[in-house]
Amino acid sequence: MSEKLVDILEFLKNAEKLKDTLRSGYTSSGKQESVAEHTWRLCLMAMLFHGQYYSHLDLAKLLKMCLIHDLGEALNGDIPAPEQEGKPSKTMDERADLMTVISPLPNSLQKEIMGLWEDYESATSEEARLAKALDKLETLIQHNQGENPHGFDYAFNLEYGKQYTGFDEIMARLRKLIDEETRGKV
């Protein structure tokens, strides 16, 4: 038992790096956002939308998926969406990084996390489709809300993640509201 506790503590120390892993967006106070901050609001969104619109989904699975979706970025950071074009190995790199981050964990937890991550990446389950849509939408909300540097490319956001955010009427309507805010910034 003590060995498993030590392994879990080691993993948590690795995951802590997400607090210092910066994203391309900024908070409303002008501070560059961390991956951990993005993940926090994504989980908050998942809880709220589950309670209001998606109560038929498995909330534990949805929240776990949101918590681990960017965990691999603890090693090599976040790659902003505009820079991802032409980098077909991003998913493979993130998978390898995630496997490294979770390597201290017991096998059962490694399997659970990898299963959730694979589902999220392929958007197979309803929970994964919702998590992926909310992930993209949280990014857009933060870009609209944040004090971004001069020259920030808001126009990019009008197309960003559309293949994930229109999977149902609720997400499509939310996307429309967010896009209206974005157009006001272009």
Protein backbone atom coordinates (compact mmCIF):
# COMPACT_ATOMS: atom_id res chain seq x y z
CA MET A 1 0.00 0.00 0.00
CA SER A 2 2.77 2.48 0.88
CA GLU A 3 4.42 1.89 -2.48
CA LYS A 4 1.21 2.83 -4.32
CA LEU A 5 0.90 5.97 -2.20
CA VAL A 6 4.46 6.95 -3.08
CA ASP A 7 3.73 6.32 -6.77
CA ILE A 8 0.58 8.46 -6.66
CA LEU A 9 2.49 11.27 -4.93
CA GLU A 10 5.17 11.10 -7.63
CA PHE A 11 2.51 11.39 -10.33
CA LEU A 12 0.90 14.36 -8.56
CA LYS A 13 4.27 16.10 -8.44
CA ASN A 14 4.62 15.58 -12.21
CA ALA A 15 1.07 16.85 -12.83
CA GLU A 16 1.80 20.00 -10.79
CA LYS A 17 3.85 21.25 -13.73
CA LEU A 18 0.57 22.11 -15.46
CA LYS A 19 0.29 25.07 -13.07
CA ASP A 20 3.37 26.56 -14.75
CA THR A 21 2.65 25.37 -18.30
CA LEU A 22 1.43 28.45 -20.15
CA ARG A 23 -1.11 28.69 -22.95
CA SER A 24 -1.46 31.36 -25.63
CA GLY A 25 -4.41 33.10 -23.97
CA TYR A 26 -4.47 35.62 -21.16
CA THR A 27 -6.74 36.12 -18.17
CA SER A 28 -8.92 39.19 -17.72
CA SER A 29 -6.16 40.70 -15.56
CA GLY A 30 -3.61 40.26 -18.36
CA LYS A 31 -1.76 37.27 -16.85
CA GLN A 32 -0.88 34.46 -19.24
CA GLU A 33 -3.20 31.52 -18.61
CA SER A 34 -1.84 28.16 -17.45
CA VAL A 35 -3.03 24.75 -18.61
CA ALA A 36 -4.23 24.08 -15.04
CA GLU A 37 -6.40 27.21 -15.13
CA HIS A 38 -7.88 26.16 -18.47
CA THR A 39 -8.58 22.69 -17.10
CA TRP A 40 -10.25 24.12 -13.99
CA ARG A 41 -12.76 26.17 -15.97
CA LEU A 42 -13.31 23.32 -18.43
CA CYS A 43 -14.31 21.09 -15.48
CA LEU A 44 -16.58 23.83 -14.15
CA MET A 45 -18.24 24.08 -17.56
CA ALA A 46 -18.65 20.29 -17.70
CA MET A 47 -20.35 20.28 -14.30
CA LEU A 48 -22.71 23.13 -15.23
CA PHE A 49 -23.67 21.84 -18.67
CA HIS A 50 -24.08 18.31 -17.36
CA GLY A 51 -26.46 19.54 -14.66
CA GLN A 52 -28.50 21.70 -17.02
CA TYR A 53 -28.49 19.86 -20.35
CA TYR A 54 -26.62 16.55 -20.27
CA SER A 55 -27.70 14.77 -17.07
CA HIS A 56 -28.03 11.52 -19.03
CA LEU A 57 -24.23 11.40 -19.42
CA ASP A 58 -21.78 9.89 -16.92
CA LEU A 59 -20.56 12.94 -14.96
CA ALA A 60 -17.61 11.13 -13.38
CA LYS A 61 -16.37 10.02 -16.81
CA LEU A 62 -16.89 13.51 -18.25
CA LEU A 63 -15.00 15.23 -15.43
CA LYS A 64 -12.17 12.68 -15.47
CA MET A 65 -11.82 13.18 -19.21
CA CYS A 66 -11.66 16.95 -18.76
CA LEU A 67 -9.09 16.60 -15.99
CA ILE A 68 -6.68 14.44 -17.97
CA HIS A 69 -7.15 15.72 -21.54
CA ASP A 70 -4.04 18.00 -21.44
CA LEU A 71 -2.02 16.09 -18.83
CA GLY A 72 0.73 15.22 -21.32
CA GLU A 73 1.44 18.93 -21.74
CA ALA A 74 3.17 18.84 -18.34
CA LEU A 75 6.27 17.63 -20.20
CA ASN A 76 6.54 19.67 -23.39
CA GLY A 77 3.96 22.40 -22.99
CA ASP A 78 0.97 23.54 -24.96
CA ILE A 79 1.15 24.08 -28.71
CA PRO A 80 -1.17 26.95 -29.68
CA ALA A 81 -3.78 25.90 -32.25
CA PRO A 82 -2.47 28.18 -35.05
CA GLU A 83 0.94 26.50 -34.72
CA GLN A 84 -0.48 22.96 -34.88
CA GLU A 85 -1.10 23.05 -38.63
CA GLY A 86 1.41 20.88 -40.42
CA LYS A 87 2.33 18.95 -37.26
CA PRO A 88 0.67 15.57 -37.77
CA SER A 89 2.61 14.01 -34.90
CA LYS A 90 0.97 16.20 -32.22
CA THR A 91 -1.39 13.45 -31.06
CA MET A 92 1.38 10.85 -31.04
CA ASP A 93 3.69 13.21 -29.14
CA GLU A 94 1.00 14.03 -26.59
CA ARG A 95 0.24 10.33 -26.15
CA ALA A 96 3.91 9.57 -25.49
CA ASP A 97 4.17 12.49 -23.07
CA LEU A 98 1.02 11.38 -21.25
CA MET A 99 2.39 7.85 -20.91
CA THR A 100 5.55 9.29 -19.36
CA VAL A 101 3.61 11.51 -16.94
CA ILE A 102 1.39 8.66 -15.74
CA SER A 103 4.19 6.06 -15.63
CA PRO A 104 4.58 6.21 -11.82
CA LEU A 105 0.93 5.21 -11.33
CA PRO A 106 -0.30 1.66 -10.73
CA ASN A 107 -1.21 -0.13 -13.97
CA SER A 108 -4.96 0.05 -13.29
CA LEU A 109 -4.83 3.86 -13.09
CA GLN A 110 -2.58 4.09 -16.15
CA LYS A 111 -5.09 2.01 -18.14
CA GLU A 112 -8.01 4.13 -16.94
CA ILE A 113 -6.29 7.42 -17.83
CA MET A 114 -5.13 6.16 -21.23
CA GLY A 115 -8.61 4.81 -21.99
CA LEU A 116 -10.18 8.17 -21.13
CA TRP A 117 -7.58 10.03 -23.18
CA GLU A 118 -8.01 7.76 -26.22
CA ASP A 119 -11.79 8.21 -26.03
CA TYR A 120 -11.35 12.00 -25.76
CA GLU A 121 -8.92 12.15 -28.69
CA SER A 122 -11.19 10.11 -30.97
CA ALA A 123 -14.39 11.72 -29.59
CA THR A 124 -15.97 8.27 -29.48
CA SER A 125 -18.41 8.51 -26.57
CA GLU A 126 -21.00 11.21 -25.93
CA GLU A 127 -18.94 12.29 -22.92
CA ALA A 128 -15.87 12.66 -25.14
CA ARG A 129 -17.76 14.68 -27.74
CA LEU A 130 -19.03 17.02 -25.03
CA ALA A 131 -15.62 17.29 -23.35
CA LYS A 132 -13.98 18.10 -26.69
CA ALA A 133 -16.61 20.71 -27.55
CA LEU A 134 -16.34 22.35 -24.14
CA ASP A 135 -12.54 22.31 -24.37
CA LYS A 136 -12.65 24.28 -27.61
CA LEU A 137 -15.36 26.61 -26.32
CA GLU A 138 -13.52 27.32 -23.06
CA THR A 139 -10.53 28.42 -25.12
CA LEU A 140 -12.70 30.79 -27.14
CA ILE A 141 -14.36 32.20 -24.03
CA GLN A 142 -10.94 32.85 -22.50
CA HIS A 143 -9.67 34.52 -25.65
CA ASN A 144 -12.72 36.81 -25.65
CA GLN A 145 -12.48 37.54 -21.94
CA GLY A 146 -8.72 37.89 -21.66
CA GLU A 147 -6.51 40.94 -21.96
CA ASN A 148 -4.63 39.61 -24.97
CA PRO A 149 -1.63 41.33 -26.54
CA HIS A 150 -2.05 43.74 -29.45
CA GLY A 151 -2.42 41.86 -32.72
CA PHE A 152 -4.10 38.80 -31.15
CA ASP A 153 -5.76 36.85 -33.97
CA TYR A 154 -9.44 36.78 -32.98
CA ALA A 155 -10.46 35.92 -36.56
CA PHE A 156 -8.77 32.52 -36.17
CA ASN A 157 -11.25 31.75 -33.38
CA LEU A 158 -14.23 31.99 -35.71
CA GLU A 159 -13.21 28.70 -37.34
CA TYR A 160 -11.31 27.08 -34.45
CA GLY A 161 -12.80 23.79 -33.30
CA LYS A 162 -15.99 24.04 -35.37
CA GLN A 163 -15.83 20.35 -36.25
CA TYR A 164 -16.32 19.60 -32.52
CA THR A 165 -18.61 22.36 -31.28
CA GLY A 166 -21.61 21.75 -33.53
CA PHE A 167 -22.35 18.17 -32.55
CA ASP A 168 -25.74 19.12 -31.08
CA GLU A 169 -28.11 22.10 -30.82
CA ILE A 170 -26.98 23.20 -27.35
CA MET A 171 -23.30 23.37 -28.25
CA ALA A 172 -24.11 25.00 -31.60
CA ARG A 173 -26.12 27.71 -29.82
CA LEU A 174 -23.35 28.27 -27.29
CA ARG A 175 -20.84 28.49 -30.12
CA LYS A 176 -23.02 31.08 -31.85
CA LEU A 177 -23.09 33.25 -28.71
CA ILE A 178 -19.32 33.01 -28.32
CA ASP A 179 -18.75 33.76 -32.02
CA GLU A 180 -20.88 36.90 -31.68
CA GLU A 181 -18.55 38.09 -28.91
CA THR A 182 -15.53 37.19 -31.03
CA ARG A 183 -16.82 39.17 -34.03
CA GLY A 184 -16.98 42.21 -31.76
CA LYS A 185 -13.24 41.87 -31.18
CA VAL A 186 -12.14 41.32 -34.79
